[in-house]
Amino acid sequence: MSVTLTKGQKISLEKPDGSSLTSVTMGLGWDVAKRKGLLGKLSSGSIDLDASCMLFDAAGQLVDQVWFRQLSSRDGSVVHTGDNRTGAGDGDDESMHVDLAKVSPQVQALVFVVNSFTGQSFAQVENAFCRMVNRASGQEVARYDLSAQGNHTAQIMTKVYRHGGAWKLHAIGQNCSGRTFSDLVPHAQAHL
């Protein structure tokens, strides 16, 4: 059963039987906002949103990153499936597979972010979401609505972090600005 997350909500990634999820997918989906009036019906656009994952150590230092120019973390625990430059189609437009059992012991938190590489604001985006899926079963674990429209060009979506020997998920939803993950590092560090 999927949990619909609210901003600031935290959930455990333990299964009902007491075991932990080890292989998950973080998916991102969005649509281009429909324009109003006659011109909106005649034109369609695309928005190049990019999902990225930043891996931080216990001191809050960035130790690795996964984005469209580096599709895998050095330890192989996080793998990006590729860049979608339009948001066209149903379902996840970009996704990253995460093997939590392979995440380096040095890494304490994985922060997932989205940014508009082309600089278009979220005022031009609708139906944006991120979701976590259990890769073993294909079932959605949690979903977080990112459709807060505005002039921001990026958002800190969620954080997956170690807590007491288990993994937890935290819905952050902080609006910010930036074209790539590197612009968002200070914003992400504020949530560690």
N, C-alpha and C. Protein backbone atom coordinates (compact mmCIF):
# COMPACT_ATOMS: atom_id res chain seq x y z
N MET A 1 0.84 -1.18 0.00
CA MET A 1 0.00 0.00 0.00
C MET A 1 0.89 1.25 0.00
N SER A 2 0.64 2.15 -0.91
CA SER A 2 1.44 3.35 -1.06
C SER A 2 1.01 4.43 -0.06
N VAL A 3 1.99 5.19 0.41
CA VAL A 3 1.73 6.32 1.30
C VAL A 3 1.84 7.59 0.47
N THR A 4 0.84 8.46 0.56
CA THR A 4 0.91 9.77 -0.06
C THR A 4 1.54 10.70 0.96
N LEU A 5 2.75 11.14 0.66
CA LEU A 5 3.52 11.94 1.60
C LEU A 5 3.10 13.41 1.57
N THR A 6 3.24 14.05 2.72
CA THR A 6 3.07 15.49 2.83
C THR A 6 4.43 16.09 3.16
N LYS A 7 4.58 17.36 2.89
CA LYS A 7 5.85 18.04 3.12
C LYS A 7 6.29 17.85 4.57
N GLY A 8 7.53 17.40 4.75
CA GLY A 8 8.10 17.18 6.07
C GLY A 8 7.87 15.79 6.64
N GLN A 9 7.01 15.00 6.02
CA GLN A 9 6.70 13.68 6.54
C GLN A 9 7.87 12.73 6.37
N LYS A 10 8.06 11.84 7.36
CA LYS A 10 9.11 10.83 7.33
C LYS A 10 8.47 9.47 7.49
N ILE A 11 8.97 8.49 6.73
CA ILE A 11 8.50 7.11 6.88
C ILE A 11 9.69 6.16 6.91
N SER A 12 9.51 5.03 7.54
CA SER A 12 10.52 3.99 7.59
C SER A 12 10.44 3.16 6.31
N LEU A 13 11.56 2.66 5.85
CA LEU A 13 11.58 1.79 4.69
C LEU A 13 11.61 0.32 5.10
N GLU A 14 11.18 0.04 6.33
CA GLU A 14 11.06 -1.34 6.76
C GLU A 14 9.74 -1.92 6.25
N LYS A 15 9.78 -3.20 5.90
CA LYS A 15 8.58 -3.90 5.44
C LYS A 15 7.78 -4.36 6.65
N PRO A 16 6.51 -4.71 6.46
CA PRO A 16 5.68 -5.18 7.58
C PRO A 16 6.27 -6.38 8.32
N ASP A 17 7.07 -7.21 7.62
CA ASP A 17 7.65 -8.38 8.27
C ASP A 17 8.92 -8.05 9.07
N GLY A 18 9.28 -6.77 9.14
CA GLY A 18 10.46 -6.35 9.90
C GLY A 18 11.72 -6.24 9.09
N SER A 19 11.73 -6.78 7.88
CA SER A 19 12.91 -6.64 7.02
C SER A 19 12.88 -5.25 6.36
N SER A 20 13.97 -4.87 5.77
CA SER A 20 14.06 -3.55 5.13
C SER A 20 14.05 -3.68 3.62
N LEU A 21 13.51 -2.67 2.97
CA LEU A 21 13.64 -2.59 1.52
C LEU A 21 15.11 -2.43 1.19
N THR A 22 15.57 -3.11 0.18
CA THR A 22 16.98 -2.97 -0.20
C THR A 22 17.13 -2.46 -1.62
N SER A 23 16.15 -2.69 -2.47
CA SER A 23 16.25 -2.28 -3.86
C SER A 23 15.01 -1.47 -4.22
N VAL A 24 15.22 -0.18 -4.49
CA VAL A 24 14.10 0.72 -4.76
C VAL A 24 14.39 1.54 -6.03
N THR A 25 13.34 2.10 -6.57
CA THR A 25 13.46 3.05 -7.67
C THR A 25 12.83 4.35 -7.23
N MET A 26 13.55 5.47 -7.46
CA MET A 26 12.98 6.79 -7.23
C MET A 26 12.62 7.33 -8.61
N GLY A 27 11.32 7.49 -8.84
CA GLY A 27 10.84 7.97 -10.13
C GLY A 27 10.38 9.41 -10.05
N LEU A 28 10.50 10.12 -11.16
CA LEU A 28 10.07 11.51 -11.28
C LEU A 28 9.21 11.61 -12.53
N GLY A 29 8.05 12.25 -12.41
CA GLY A 29 7.18 12.47 -13.56
C GLY A 29 6.67 13.89 -13.58
N TRP A 30 6.37 14.39 -14.77
CA TRP A 30 5.84 15.74 -14.91
C TRP A 30 5.18 15.91 -16.27
N ASP A 31 4.37 16.94 -16.38
CA ASP A 31 3.77 17.33 -17.65
C ASP A 31 4.01 18.82 -17.84
N VAL A 32 4.00 19.24 -19.09
CA VAL A 32 4.06 20.66 -19.40
C VAL A 32 2.70 21.25 -19.09
N ALA A 33 2.67 22.37 -18.37
CA ALA A 33 1.40 23.02 -18.04
C ALA A 33 0.72 23.47 -19.32
N LYS A 34 -0.57 23.23 -19.37
CA LYS A 34 -1.35 23.65 -20.53
C LYS A 34 -1.56 25.15 -20.50
N ARG A 35 -1.31 25.77 -21.62
CA ARG A 35 -1.50 27.22 -21.72
C ARG A 35 -2.98 27.53 -21.88
N LYS A 36 -3.35 28.68 -21.39
CA LYS A 36 -4.74 29.11 -21.47
C LYS A 36 -5.01 29.80 -22.80
N GLY A 37 -6.24 29.74 -23.26
CA GLY A 37 -6.66 30.46 -24.44
C GLY A 37 -6.35 29.74 -25.74
N LEU A 38 -6.62 30.43 -26.85
CA LEU A 38 -6.46 29.87 -28.19
C LEU A 38 -5.01 29.48 -28.49
N LEU A 39 -4.07 30.32 -28.10
CA LEU A 39 -2.66 30.02 -28.38
C LEU A 39 -2.21 28.77 -27.64
N GLY A 40 -2.76 28.51 -26.47
CA GLY A 40 -2.42 27.32 -25.72
C GLY A 40 -2.84 26.06 -26.45
N LYS A 41 -3.96 26.12 -27.16
CA LYS A 41 -4.44 24.95 -27.89
C LYS A 41 -3.62 24.69 -29.15
N LEU A 42 -2.99 25.72 -29.65
CA LEU A 42 -2.22 25.58 -30.88
C LEU A 42 -0.75 25.22 -30.63
N SER A 43 -0.30 25.45 -29.42
CA SER A 43 1.12 25.20 -29.16
C SER A 43 1.31 24.17 -28.07
N SER A 44 2.37 23.46 -28.17
CA SER A 44 2.76 22.55 -27.10
C SER A 44 4.25 22.71 -26.91
N GLY A 45 4.70 22.54 -25.71
CA GLY A 45 6.11 22.73 -25.44
C GLY A 45 6.68 21.53 -24.74
N SER A 46 7.90 21.68 -24.34
CA SER A 46 8.53 20.64 -23.55
C SER A 46 9.33 21.32 -22.45
N ILE A 47 9.54 20.60 -21.40
CA ILE A 47 10.32 21.08 -20.26
C ILE A 47 11.35 20.01 -19.95
N ASP A 48 12.59 20.40 -19.84
CA ASP A 48 13.67 19.47 -19.53
C ASP A 48 13.97 19.52 -18.05
N LEU A 49 13.23 18.73 -17.26
CA LEU A 49 13.55 18.59 -15.85
C LEU A 49 14.54 17.45 -15.70
N ASP A 50 15.45 17.60 -14.76
CA ASP A 50 16.47 16.59 -14.52
C ASP A 50 16.44 16.14 -13.07
N ALA A 51 16.36 14.83 -12.88
CA ALA A 51 16.45 14.24 -11.55
C ALA A 51 17.91 13.92 -11.26
N SER A 52 18.32 14.20 -10.04
CA SER A 52 19.69 13.91 -9.62
C SER A 52 19.66 13.39 -8.20
N CYS A 53 20.73 12.69 -7.84
CA CYS A 53 20.88 12.19 -6.47
C CYS A 53 22.26 12.61 -5.97
N MET A 54 22.27 13.22 -4.78
CA MET A 54 23.53 13.60 -4.14
C MET A 54 23.74 12.69 -2.94
N LEU A 55 24.94 12.17 -2.79
CA LEU A 55 25.27 11.27 -1.69
C LEU A 55 26.17 12.01 -0.71
N PHE A 56 25.74 12.09 0.56
CA PHE A 56 26.44 12.86 1.58
C PHE A 56 26.94 11.96 2.70
N ASP A 57 28.09 12.34 3.30
CA ASP A 57 28.60 11.61 4.43
C ASP A 57 28.05 12.20 5.73
N ALA A 58 28.48 11.65 6.88
CA ALA A 58 27.97 12.08 8.19
C ALA A 58 28.32 13.53 8.51
N ALA A 59 29.39 14.06 7.90
CA ALA A 59 29.79 15.45 8.12
C ALA A 59 29.05 16.41 7.19
N GLY A 60 28.17 15.89 6.34
CA GLY A 60 27.41 16.74 5.42
C GLY A 60 28.17 17.11 4.17
N GLN A 61 29.24 16.37 3.89
CA GLN A 61 30.04 16.65 2.69
C GLN A 61 29.55 15.79 1.53
N LEU A 62 29.48 16.38 0.37
CA LEU A 62 29.09 15.66 -0.84
C LEU A 62 30.23 14.70 -1.22
N VAL A 63 29.92 13.40 -1.31
CA VAL A 63 30.95 12.43 -1.65
C VAL A 63 30.75 11.82 -3.04
N ASP A 64 29.55 11.96 -3.60
CA ASP A 64 29.28 11.44 -4.94
C ASP A 64 27.97 12.04 -5.42
N GLN A 65 27.71 11.91 -6.71
CA GLN A 65 26.47 12.41 -7.29
C GLN A 65 26.12 11.58 -8.52
N VAL A 66 24.81 11.53 -8.79
CA VAL A 66 24.31 10.85 -9.98
C VAL A 66 23.39 11.83 -10.68
N TRP A 67 23.68 12.07 -11.96
CA TRP A 67 22.88 13.00 -12.76
C TRP A 67 23.06 12.64 -14.22
N PHE A 68 22.51 13.42 -15.13
CA PHE A 68 22.53 13.02 -16.53
C PHE A 68 23.93 12.96 -17.14
N ARG A 69 24.92 13.55 -16.51
CA ARG A 69 26.29 13.46 -17.02
C ARG A 69 27.13 12.41 -16.28
N GLN A 70 26.58 11.83 -15.22
CA GLN A 70 27.22 10.73 -14.48
C GLN A 70 26.09 9.81 -14.04
N LEU A 71 25.83 8.79 -14.83
CA LEU A 71 24.63 7.96 -14.65
C LEU A 71 24.75 6.90 -13.56
N SER A 72 25.91 6.80 -12.91
CA SER A 72 26.06 5.81 -11.84
C SER A 72 26.98 6.36 -10.76
N SER A 73 26.65 6.03 -9.51
CA SER A 73 27.55 6.39 -8.41
C SER A 73 28.80 5.51 -8.50
N ARG A 74 29.87 5.97 -7.90
CA ARG A 74 31.12 5.21 -7.97
C ARG A 74 31.00 3.81 -7.38
N ASP A 75 30.16 3.65 -6.34
CA ASP A 75 30.00 2.32 -5.74
C ASP A 75 28.94 1.48 -6.46
N GLY A 76 28.28 2.06 -7.48
CA GLY A 76 27.28 1.33 -8.26
C GLY A 76 25.94 1.17 -7.57
N SER A 77 25.75 1.83 -6.44
CA SER A 77 24.50 1.67 -5.69
C SER A 77 23.35 2.49 -6.27
N VAL A 78 23.65 3.57 -6.97
CA VAL A 78 22.62 4.43 -7.56
C VAL A 78 22.88 4.51 -9.06
N VAL A 79 21.86 4.16 -9.86
CA VAL A 79 22.00 4.17 -11.32
C VAL A 79 20.83 4.95 -11.92
N HIS A 80 21.15 5.99 -12.67
CA HIS A 80 20.16 6.81 -13.39
C HIS A 80 19.83 6.11 -14.69
N THR A 81 18.55 6.03 -15.05
CA THR A 81 18.16 5.31 -16.26
C THR A 81 18.22 6.17 -17.52
N GLY A 82 18.51 7.46 -17.40
CA GLY A 82 18.67 8.30 -18.58
C GLY A 82 17.86 9.58 -18.52
N ASP A 83 18.23 10.50 -19.38
CA ASP A 83 17.66 11.84 -19.41
C ASP A 83 16.43 11.90 -20.31
N ASN A 84 15.33 12.44 -19.80
CA ASN A 84 14.13 12.71 -20.59
C ASN A 84 14.06 14.22 -20.75
N ARG A 85 14.09 14.70 -21.96
CA ARG A 85 14.16 16.15 -22.19
C ARG A 85 12.83 16.81 -22.46
N THR A 86 11.72 16.07 -22.34
CA THR A 86 10.42 16.66 -22.69
C THR A 86 9.34 16.49 -21.64
N GLY A 87 9.38 15.43 -20.85
CA GLY A 87 8.29 15.14 -19.92
C GLY A 87 7.12 14.46 -20.61
N ALA A 88 7.27 14.11 -21.88
CA ALA A 88 6.18 13.48 -22.63
C ALA A 88 5.95 12.05 -22.14
N GLY A 89 4.71 11.62 -22.21
CA GLY A 89 4.35 10.26 -21.85
C GLY A 89 3.84 10.15 -20.42
N ASP A 90 3.22 9.03 -20.13
CA ASP A 90 2.67 8.78 -18.80
C ASP A 90 3.72 8.11 -17.92
N GLY A 91 3.48 8.18 -16.61
CA GLY A 91 4.36 7.50 -15.67
C GLY A 91 5.63 8.27 -15.39
N ASP A 92 6.67 7.54 -14.95
CA ASP A 92 7.95 8.15 -14.61
C ASP A 92 8.65 8.63 -15.87
N ASP A 93 9.08 9.88 -15.85
CA ASP A 93 9.84 10.42 -16.98
C ASP A 93 11.34 10.19 -16.79
N GLU A 94 11.80 10.22 -15.57
CA GLU A 94 13.17 9.87 -15.24
C GLU A 94 13.13 9.03 -13.97
N SER A 95 14.10 8.14 -13.84
CA SER A 95 14.14 7.32 -12.63
C SER A 95 15.58 6.92 -12.31
N MET A 96 15.77 6.60 -11.04
CA MET A 96 17.06 6.13 -10.54
C MET A 96 16.82 4.88 -9.70
N HIS A 97 17.58 3.84 -9.99
CA HIS A 97 17.52 2.61 -9.22
C HIS A 97 18.54 2.72 -8.09
N VAL A 98 18.12 2.33 -6.89
CA VAL A 98 19.00 2.42 -5.73
C VAL A 98 19.04 1.07 -5.03
N ASP A 99 20.25 0.54 -4.88
CA ASP A 99 20.46 -0.68 -4.12
C ASP A 99 21.02 -0.25 -2.77
N LEU A 100 20.13 -0.14 -1.78
CA LEU A 100 20.52 0.37 -0.47
C LEU A 100 21.58 -0.50 0.20
N ALA A 101 21.58 -1.78 -0.09
CA ALA A 101 22.57 -2.68 0.49
C ALA A 101 23.98 -2.40 -0.05
N LYS A 102 24.08 -1.78 -1.22
CA LYS A 102 25.38 -1.49 -1.82
C LYS A 102 25.88 -0.08 -1.54
N VAL A 103 25.05 0.76 -0.91
CA VAL A 103 25.48 2.14 -0.63
C VAL A 103 26.67 2.08 0.32
N SER A 104 27.71 2.81 -0.03
CA SER A 104 28.93 2.84 0.77
C SER A 104 28.61 3.17 2.23
N PRO A 105 29.25 2.50 3.19
CA PRO A 105 29.01 2.81 4.61
C PRO A 105 29.32 4.27 4.95
N GLN A 106 30.16 4.90 4.15
CA GLN A 106 30.50 6.31 4.34
C GLN A 106 29.28 7.21 4.10
N VAL A 107 28.37 6.79 3.25
CA VAL A 107 27.22 7.61 2.86
C VAL A 107 26.12 7.48 3.91
N GLN A 108 25.68 8.62 4.42
CA GLN A 108 24.62 8.65 5.43
C GLN A 108 23.28 9.12 4.86
N ALA A 109 23.31 9.84 3.74
CA ALA A 109 22.06 10.37 3.18
C ALA A 109 22.17 10.48 1.67
N LEU A 110 21.07 10.16 1.00
CA LEU A 110 20.93 10.35 -0.44
C LEU A 110 19.84 11.39 -0.62
N VAL A 111 20.16 12.51 -1.22
CA VAL A 111 19.20 13.58 -1.42
C VAL A 111 18.84 13.64 -2.90
N PHE A 112 17.54 13.52 -3.18
CA PHE A 112 17.03 13.53 -4.55
C PHE A 112 16.50 14.91 -4.87
N VAL A 113 16.96 15.46 -5.99
CA VAL A 113 16.56 16.81 -6.40
C VAL A 113 16.09 16.80 -7.85
N VAL A 114 15.38 17.85 -8.21
CA VAL A 114 14.96 18.04 -9.60
C VAL A 114 15.24 19.49 -9.96
N ASN A 115 15.72 19.70 -11.17
CA ASN A 115 15.99 21.06 -11.62
C ASN A 115 15.64 21.19 -13.10
N SER A 116 15.38 22.43 -13.50
CA SER A 116 15.09 22.74 -14.89
C SER A 116 16.39 23.17 -15.55
N PHE A 117 16.98 22.26 -16.31
CA PHE A 117 18.27 22.55 -16.94
C PHE A 117 18.16 23.72 -17.91
N THR A 118 17.02 23.86 -18.57
CA THR A 118 16.82 24.93 -19.54
C THR A 118 16.37 26.24 -18.90
N GLY A 119 16.18 26.23 -17.57
CA GLY A 119 15.85 27.46 -16.86
C GLY A 119 14.37 27.81 -16.82
N GLN A 120 13.52 26.95 -17.37
CA GLN A 120 12.09 27.22 -17.29
C GLN A 120 11.63 27.03 -15.85
N SER A 121 10.68 27.83 -15.41
CA SER A 121 10.23 27.75 -14.02
C SER A 121 9.15 26.68 -13.86
N PHE A 122 8.90 26.34 -12.62
CA PHE A 122 7.86 25.37 -12.31
C PHE A 122 6.47 25.93 -12.57
N ALA A 123 6.37 27.22 -12.91
CA ALA A 123 5.08 27.77 -13.33
C ALA A 123 4.64 27.13 -14.63
N GLN A 124 5.57 26.53 -15.36
CA GLN A 124 5.28 25.88 -16.64
C GLN A 124 5.14 24.37 -16.51
N VAL A 125 5.10 23.87 -15.27
CA VAL A 125 5.04 22.44 -15.01
C VAL A 125 3.76 22.12 -14.24
N GLU A 126 3.16 20.97 -14.55
CA GLU A 126 2.03 20.50 -13.77
C GLU A 126 2.13 18.99 -13.60
N ASN A 127 1.36 18.47 -12.67
CA ASN A 127 1.31 17.03 -12.39
C ASN A 127 2.67 16.45 -12.05
N ALA A 128 3.53 17.24 -11.44
CA ALA A 128 4.87 16.74 -11.09
C ALA A 128 4.79 15.92 -9.80
N PHE A 129 5.55 14.83 -9.79
CA PHE A 129 5.58 13.95 -8.62
C PHE A 129 6.91 13.22 -8.57
N CYS A 130 7.23 12.73 -7.39
CA CYS A 130 8.28 11.73 -7.27
C CYS A 130 7.67 10.58 -6.49
N ARG A 131 8.20 9.39 -6.74
CA ARG A 131 7.66 8.22 -6.05
C ARG A 131 8.75 7.20 -5.84
N MET A 132 8.60 6.43 -4.77
CA MET A 132 9.52 5.35 -4.49
C MET A 132 8.79 4.04 -4.75
N VAL A 133 9.47 3.14 -5.48
CA VAL A 133 8.90 1.85 -5.83
C VAL A 133 9.81 0.75 -5.31
N ASN A 134 9.23 -0.28 -4.75
CA ASN A 134 9.96 -1.47 -4.34
C ASN A 134 10.28 -2.23 -5.62
N ARG A 135 11.55 -2.35 -5.96
CA ARG A 135 11.92 -3.00 -7.22
C ARG A 135 11.60 -4.49 -7.22
N ALA A 136 11.63 -5.13 -6.08
CA ALA A 136 11.37 -6.57 -6.02
C ALA A 136 9.92 -6.89 -6.36
N SER A 137 8.99 -6.08 -5.87
CA SER A 137 7.57 -6.36 -6.08
C SER A 137 6.94 -5.47 -7.16
N GLY A 138 7.60 -4.35 -7.49
CA GLY A 138 7.03 -3.39 -8.43
C GLY A 138 5.97 -2.50 -7.80
N GLN A 139 5.75 -2.64 -6.50
CA GLN A 139 4.73 -1.86 -5.83
C GLN A 139 5.26 -0.50 -5.39
N GLU A 140 4.41 0.50 -5.55
CA GLU A 140 4.76 1.84 -5.09
C GLU A 140 4.73 1.86 -3.57
N VAL A 141 5.79 2.40 -2.97
CA VAL A 141 5.90 2.51 -1.52
C VAL A 141 5.36 3.86 -1.06
N ALA A 142 5.77 4.93 -1.75
CA ALA A 142 5.37 6.28 -1.37
C ALA A 142 5.36 7.18 -2.59
N ARG A 143 4.52 8.21 -2.53
CA ARG A 143 4.41 9.20 -3.60
C ARG A 143 4.34 10.58 -2.97
N TYR A 144 5.02 11.53 -3.62
CA TYR A 144 5.05 12.90 -3.12
C TYR A 144 4.75 13.85 -4.27
N ASP A 145 3.72 14.66 -4.11
CA ASP A 145 3.29 15.62 -5.14
C ASP A 145 4.23 16.82 -5.13
N LEU A 146 4.81 17.14 -6.30
CA LEU A 146 5.75 18.25 -6.43
C LEU A 146 5.16 19.42 -7.20
N SER A 147 3.86 19.46 -7.35
CA SER A 147 3.23 20.41 -8.26
C SER A 147 3.06 21.82 -7.71
N ALA A 148 3.89 22.22 -6.77
CA ALA A 148 3.84 23.59 -6.28
C ALA A 148 4.36 24.51 -7.38
N GLN A 149 3.44 25.12 -8.13
CA GLN A 149 3.87 25.97 -9.23
C GLN A 149 4.44 27.28 -8.68
N GLY A 150 5.38 27.84 -9.41
CA GLY A 150 6.00 29.09 -9.00
C GLY A 150 7.17 29.41 -9.88
N ASN A 151 7.90 30.44 -9.50
CA ASN A 151 9.02 30.90 -10.32
C ASN A 151 10.32 30.17 -10.02
N HIS A 152 10.29 29.17 -9.13
CA HIS A 152 11.50 28.41 -8.83
C HIS A 152 11.85 27.49 -10.01
N THR A 153 13.12 27.16 -10.12
CA THR A 153 13.59 26.30 -11.21
C THR A 153 14.11 24.96 -10.71
N ALA A 154 13.98 24.73 -9.40
CA ALA A 154 14.48 23.48 -8.83
C ALA A 154 13.72 23.18 -7.54
N GLN A 155 13.90 21.94 -7.09
CA GLN A 155 13.29 21.54 -5.82
C GLN A 155 14.11 20.42 -5.19
N ILE A 156 14.31 20.53 -3.88
CA ILE A 156 14.86 19.43 -3.11
C ILE A 156 13.65 18.52 -2.84
N MET A 157 13.60 17.34 -3.45
CA MET A 157 12.42 16.48 -3.38
C MET A 157 12.39 15.69 -2.07
N THR A 158 13.30 14.75 -1.93
CA THR A 158 13.28 13.85 -0.79
C THR A 158 14.70 13.50 -0.36
N LYS A 159 14.76 12.90 0.83
CA LYS A 159 16.03 12.41 1.35
C LYS A 159 15.79 10.99 1.85
N VAL A 160 16.69 10.07 1.48
CA VAL A 160 16.72 8.72 2.04
C VAL A 160 17.96 8.70 2.93
N TYR A 161 17.76 8.34 4.20
CA TYR A 161 18.87 8.46 5.14
C TYR A 161 18.90 7.31 6.14
N ARG A 162 20.10 7.08 6.68
CA ARG A 162 20.30 6.05 7.69
C ARG A 162 19.85 6.60 9.04
N HIS A 163 19.12 5.76 9.78
CA HIS A 163 18.67 6.16 11.11
C HIS A 163 18.57 4.91 11.97
N GLY A 164 19.43 4.79 12.96
CA GLY A 164 19.40 3.65 13.86
C GLY A 164 19.54 2.31 13.15
N GLY A 165 20.38 2.24 12.14
CA GLY A 165 20.60 0.99 11.44
C GLY A 165 19.59 0.68 10.36
N ALA A 166 18.61 1.56 10.14
CA ALA A 166 17.59 1.35 9.10
C ALA A 166 17.57 2.57 8.18
N TRP A 167 16.89 2.42 7.05
CA TRP A 167 16.73 3.51 6.11
C TRP A 167 15.36 4.15 6.29
N LYS A 168 15.31 5.47 6.17
CA LYS A 168 14.05 6.22 6.23
C LYS A 168 13.96 7.15 5.03
N LEU A 169 12.74 7.57 4.73
CA LEU A 169 12.46 8.50 3.63
C LEU A 169 11.85 9.75 4.22
N HIS A 170 12.34 10.92 3.81
CA HIS A 170 11.86 12.21 4.29
C HIS A 170 11.43 13.05 3.08
N ALA A 171 10.15 13.45 3.04
CA ALA A 171 9.65 14.34 1.98
C ALA A 171 10.03 15.77 2.35
N ILE A 172 10.85 16.41 1.51
CA ILE A 172 11.34 17.75 1.84
C ILE A 172 10.56 18.83 1.09
N GLY A 173 10.57 18.82 -0.22
CA GLY A 173 9.78 19.77 -1.01
C GLY A 173 10.19 21.22 -0.89
N GLN A 174 11.49 21.50 -0.81
CA GLN A 174 11.95 22.89 -0.74
C GLN A 174 12.17 23.44 -2.14
N ASN A 175 11.48 24.53 -2.45
CA ASN A 175 11.66 25.21 -3.73
C ASN A 175 12.96 26.01 -3.69
N CYS A 176 13.71 26.00 -4.78
CA CYS A 176 14.94 26.77 -4.90
C CYS A 176 15.22 27.00 -6.38
N SER A 177 16.38 27.52 -6.68
CA SER A 177 16.74 27.79 -8.06
C SER A 177 18.07 27.15 -8.39
N GLY A 178 18.20 26.68 -9.63
CA GLY A 178 19.45 26.09 -10.08
C GLY A 178 19.24 25.28 -11.34
N ARG A 179 20.29 25.19 -12.15
CA ARG A 179 20.21 24.44 -13.41
C ARG A 179 20.71 23.01 -13.29
N THR A 180 21.60 22.75 -12.32
CA THR A 180 22.11 21.39 -12.11
C THR A 180 22.17 21.13 -10.61
N PHE A 181 22.46 19.87 -10.26
CA PHE A 181 22.53 19.48 -8.85
C PHE A 181 23.55 20.34 -8.10
N SER A 182 24.64 20.74 -8.76
CA SER A 182 25.71 21.48 -8.06
C SER A 182 25.22 22.81 -7.51
N ASP A 183 24.22 23.42 -8.17
CA ASP A 183 23.64 24.67 -7.66
C ASP A 183 22.83 24.43 -6.40
N LEU A 184 22.44 23.17 -6.16
CA LEU A 184 21.53 22.85 -5.06
C LEU A 184 22.22 22.26 -3.84
N VAL A 185 23.54 22.06 -3.90
CA VAL A 185 24.25 21.43 -2.80
C VAL A 185 24.01 22.16 -1.48
N PRO A 186 24.17 23.49 -1.40
CA PRO A 186 23.95 24.16 -0.10
C PRO A 186 22.53 23.99 0.42
N HIS A 187 21.55 23.98 -0.48
CA HIS A 187 20.15 23.80 -0.07
C HIS A 187 19.95 22.39 0.48
N ALA A 188 20.56 21.40 -0.16
CA ALA A 188 20.44 20.02 0.29
C ALA A 188 21.14 19.83 1.65
N GLN A 189 22.30 20.45 1.81
CA GLN A 189 23.05 20.31 3.06
C GLN A 189 22.25 20.84 4.26
N ALA A 190 21.38 21.81 4.01
CA ALA A 190 20.55 22.36 5.09
C ALA A 190 19.56 21.34 5.63
N HIS A 191 19.33 20.25 4.90
CA HIS A 191 18.36 19.22 5.31
C HIS A 191 19.01 17.95 5.82
N LEU A 192 20.32 17.99 6.05
CA LEU A 192 21.01 16.79 6.53
C LEU A 192 20.95 16.66 8.05
